[in-house]
C-alpha atoms as a PDB file:
ATOM      1  CA  MET A   1       0.237 -45.954   1.550  1.00  0.00           C
ATOM      2  CA  PRO A   2      -2.781 -43.653   1.160  1.00  0.00           C
ATOM      3  CA  ASP A   3      -2.454 -39.962   1.828  1.00  0.00           C
ATOM      4  CA  LEU A   4      -5.758 -39.881   3.725  1.00  0.00           C
ATOM      5  CA  SER A   5      -7.123 -42.543   5.990  1.00  0.00           C
ATOM      6  CA  VAL A   6     -10.233 -42.041   8.127  1.00  0.00           C
ATOM      7  CA  THR A   7     -12.050 -44.580  10.275  1.00  0.00           C
ATOM      8  CA  VAL A   8     -15.299 -43.518  11.955  1.00  0.00           C
ATOM      9  CA  ALA A   9     -17.105 -45.779  14.405  1.00  0.00           C
ATOM     10  CA  HIS A  10     -20.871 -46.192  14.105  1.00  0.00           C
ATOM     11  CA  ALA A  11     -23.706 -48.137  15.721  1.00  0.00           C
ATOM     12  CA  LEU A  12     -25.677 -48.602  12.512  1.00  0.00           C
ATOM     13  CA  THR A  13     -26.229 -51.728  10.498  1.00  0.00           C
ATOM     14  CA  ARG A  14     -23.995 -52.019   7.431  1.00  0.00           C
ATOM     15  CA  VAL A  15     -27.088 -51.559   5.249  1.00  0.00           C
ATOM     16  CA  GLU A  16     -28.060 -48.290   6.968  1.00  0.00           C
ATOM     17  CA  ALA A  17     -24.488 -46.955   6.982  1.00  0.00           C
ATOM     18  CA  ARG A  18     -24.145 -47.737   3.272  1.00  0.00           C
ATOM     19  CA  ARG A  19     -27.557 -46.152   2.527  1.00  0.00           C
ATOM     20  CA  ARG A  20     -26.588 -42.923   4.305  1.00  0.00           C
ATOM     21  CA  ILE A  21     -23.255 -42.770   2.492  1.00  0.00           C
ATOM     22  CA  ALA A  22     -24.892 -43.399  -0.889  1.00  0.00           C
ATOM     23  CA  CYS A  23     -27.471 -40.660  -0.261  1.00  0.00           C
ATOM     24  CA  ARG A  24     -24.747 -38.208   0.742  1.00  0.00           C
ATOM     25  CA  LEU A  25     -22.648 -39.033  -2.323  1.00  0.00           C
ATOM     26  CA  LYS A  26     -25.591 -38.149  -4.569  1.00  0.00           C
ATOM     27  CA  GLN A  27     -25.542 -34.606  -3.089  1.00  0.00           C
ATOM     28  CA  LEU A  28     -21.833 -33.916  -3.546  1.00  0.00           C
ATOM     29  CA  PRO A  29     -21.771 -32.853  -7.198  1.00  0.00           C
ATOM     30  CA  GLN A  30     -24.573 -30.309  -6.638  1.00  0.00           C
ATOM     31  CA  GLN A  31     -23.303 -29.057  -3.268  1.00  0.00           C
ATOM     32  CA  PHE A  32     -19.704 -28.646  -4.457  1.00  0.00           C
ATOM     33  CA  SER A  33     -20.253 -28.004  -8.156  1.00  0.00           C
ATOM     34  CA  GLU A  34     -17.407 -25.474  -8.254  1.00  0.00           C
ATOM     35  CA  LEU A  35     -14.985 -28.114  -6.927  1.00  0.00           C
ATOM     36  CA  VAL A  36     -16.261 -31.532  -8.001  1.00  0.00           C
ATOM     37  CA  GLY A  37     -15.941 -31.955 -11.751  1.00  0.00           C
ATOM     38  CA  ASN A  38     -16.734 -35.643 -11.961  1.00  0.00           C
ATOM     39  CA  LEU A  39     -17.532 -38.349  -9.410  1.00  0.00           C
ATOM     40  CA  GLU A  40     -17.184 -41.973 -10.504  1.00  0.00           C
ATOM     41  CA  GLN A  41     -18.216 -44.625  -8.020  1.00  0.00           C
ATOM     42  CA  HIS A  42     -18.832 -48.350  -7.913  1.00  0.00           C
ATOM     43  CA  TRP A  43     -20.038 -50.480  -4.987  1.00  0.00           C
ATOM     44  CA  ASP A  44     -18.655 -53.996  -4.677  1.00  0.00           C
ATOM     45  CA  GLY A  45     -20.531 -55.406  -1.700  1.00  0.00           C
ATOM     46  CA  ASP A  46     -19.741 -53.104   1.196  1.00  0.00           C
ATOM     47  CA  THR A  47     -16.740 -51.473  -0.527  1.00  0.00           C
ATOM     48  CA  LEU A  48     -17.068 -48.294  -2.568  1.00  0.00           C
ATOM     49  CA  GLU A  49     -14.357 -47.636  -5.125  1.00  0.00           C
ATOM     50  CA  PHE A  50     -14.320 -43.979  -6.171  1.00  0.00           C
ATOM     51  CA  GLN A  51     -12.559 -41.385  -8.245  1.00  0.00           C
ATOM     52  CA  VAL A  52     -13.263 -37.667  -7.867  1.00  0.00           C
ATOM     53  CA  SER A  53     -12.017 -35.005 -10.237  1.00  0.00           C
ATOM     54  CA  CYS A  54     -11.634 -31.712  -8.387  1.00  0.00           C
ATOM     55  CA  SER A  55     -11.112 -29.004 -10.964  1.00  0.00           C
ATOM     56  CA  ARG A  56      -7.950 -30.578 -12.422  1.00  0.00           C
ATOM     57  CA  PRO A  57      -6.590 -32.971  -9.766  1.00  0.00           C
ATOM     58  CA  THR A  58      -8.053 -36.445  -9.340  1.00  0.00           C
ATOM     59  CA  VAL A  59      -8.499 -38.173  -5.975  1.00  0.00           C
ATOM     60  CA  THR A  60      -8.902 -41.963  -5.967  1.00  0.00           C
ATOM     61  CA  GLY A  61      -9.633 -44.313  -3.119  1.00  0.00           C
ATOM     62  CA  HIS A  62     -12.080 -46.689  -1.485  1.00  0.00           C
ATOM     63  CA  LEU A  63     -14.509 -46.705   1.374  1.00  0.00           C
ATOM     64  CA  VAL A  64     -15.342 -49.894   3.327  1.00  0.00           C
ATOM     65  CA  VAL A  65     -18.481 -50.232   5.437  1.00  0.00           C
ATOM     66  CA  GLU A  66     -17.727 -52.563   8.343  1.00  0.00           C
ATOM     67  CA  ASP A  67     -19.981 -53.792  11.164  1.00  0.00           C
ATOM     68  CA  HIS A  68     -18.982 -51.009  13.581  1.00  0.00           C
ATOM     69  CA  ALA A  69     -16.957 -48.567  11.494  1.00  0.00           C
ATOM     70  CA  VAL A  70     -16.530 -47.028   8.074  1.00  0.00           C
ATOM     71  CA  ARG A  71     -12.998 -46.798   6.697  1.00  0.00           C
ATOM     72  CA  LEU A  72     -12.009 -44.458   3.883  1.00  0.00           C
ATOM     73  CA  GLU A  73      -8.592 -44.371   2.188  1.00  0.00           C
ATOM     74  CA  ALA A  74      -7.686 -41.999  -0.626  1.00  0.00           C
ATOM     75  CA  SER A  75      -4.618 -40.912  -2.564  1.00  0.00           C
ATOM     76  CA  LEU A  76      -3.968 -37.284  -3.358  1.00  0.00           C
ATOM     77  CA  PRO A  77      -1.723 -35.833  -6.059  1.00  0.00           C
ATOM     78  CA  CYS A  78       1.579 -34.659  -4.533  1.00  0.00           C
ATOM     79  CA  TYR A  79       0.810 -30.986  -4.922  1.00  0.00           C
ATOM     80  CA  LEU A  80      -2.355 -31.412  -2.769  1.00  0.00           C
ATOM     81  CA  ALA A  81      -0.447 -32.999   0.122  1.00  0.00           C
ATOM     82  CA  PRO A  82      -0.400 -29.720   2.092  1.00  0.00           C
ATOM     83  CA  LEU A  83      -4.199 -29.847   2.180  1.00  0.00           C
ATOM     84  CA  ALA A  84      -4.365 -33.397   3.527  1.00  0.00           C
ATOM     85  CA  ARG A  85      -4.594 -32.485   7.226  1.00  0.00           C
ATOM     86  CA  ASN A  86      -7.507 -30.083   6.728  1.00  0.00           C
ATOM     87  CA  ALA A  87      -9.248 -32.516   4.395  1.00  0.00           C
ATOM     88  CA  LEU A  88      -8.840 -35.304   6.940  1.00  0.00           C
ATOM     89  CA  ARG A  89     -10.438 -33.215   9.703  1.00  0.00           C
ATOM     90  CA  GLU A  90     -13.357 -32.247   7.486  1.00  0.00           C
ATOM     91  CA  LEU A  91     -13.916 -35.836   6.337  1.00  0.00           C
ATOM     92  CA  GLU A  92     -13.990 -37.029   9.931  1.00  0.00           C
ATOM     93  CA  ARG A  93     -16.422 -34.267  10.937  1.00  0.00           C
ATOM     94  CA  VAL A  94     -18.809 -34.972   8.065  1.00  0.00           C
ATOM     95  CA  ALA A  95     -18.620 -38.747   8.551  1.00  0.00           C
ATOM     96  CA  ARG A  96     -19.318 -38.527  12.294  1.00  0.00           C
ATOM     97  CA  HIS A  97     -22.307 -36.298  11.667  1.00  0.00           C
ATOM     98  CA  LEU A  98     -23.625 -38.550   8.888  1.00  0.00           C
ATOM     99  CA  LEU A  99     -23.220 -41.810  10.794  1.00  0.00           C
ATOM    100  CA  ASN A 100     -23.712 -40.739  14.400  1.00  0.00           C
ATOM    101  CA  GLY A 101     -25.506 -37.409  14.303  1.00  0.00           C
ATOM    102  CA  SER A 102     -22.738 -35.732  16.306  1.00  0.00           C
END
């Protein structure tokens, strides 16, 4: 079972939701250069498979763009588990703003 699971509703088309997510992902390495060492990503239809290296730990997961929601699931290394709750809240906040403007 993933350590993080976020589902955010949206009223966008899948194409627009995916476009916004892709644009935001391009900004992550520059915006968080001190944290994000490497971001690997691959879209397979409406599913994004990703792997992010954060300093030393690596976070892997996938993001699925659905008709009315975006679902993200990721696995954290055990020693990052204490950060999961804060990371989950921040992911939800950013996703809501990105997809719904709120």
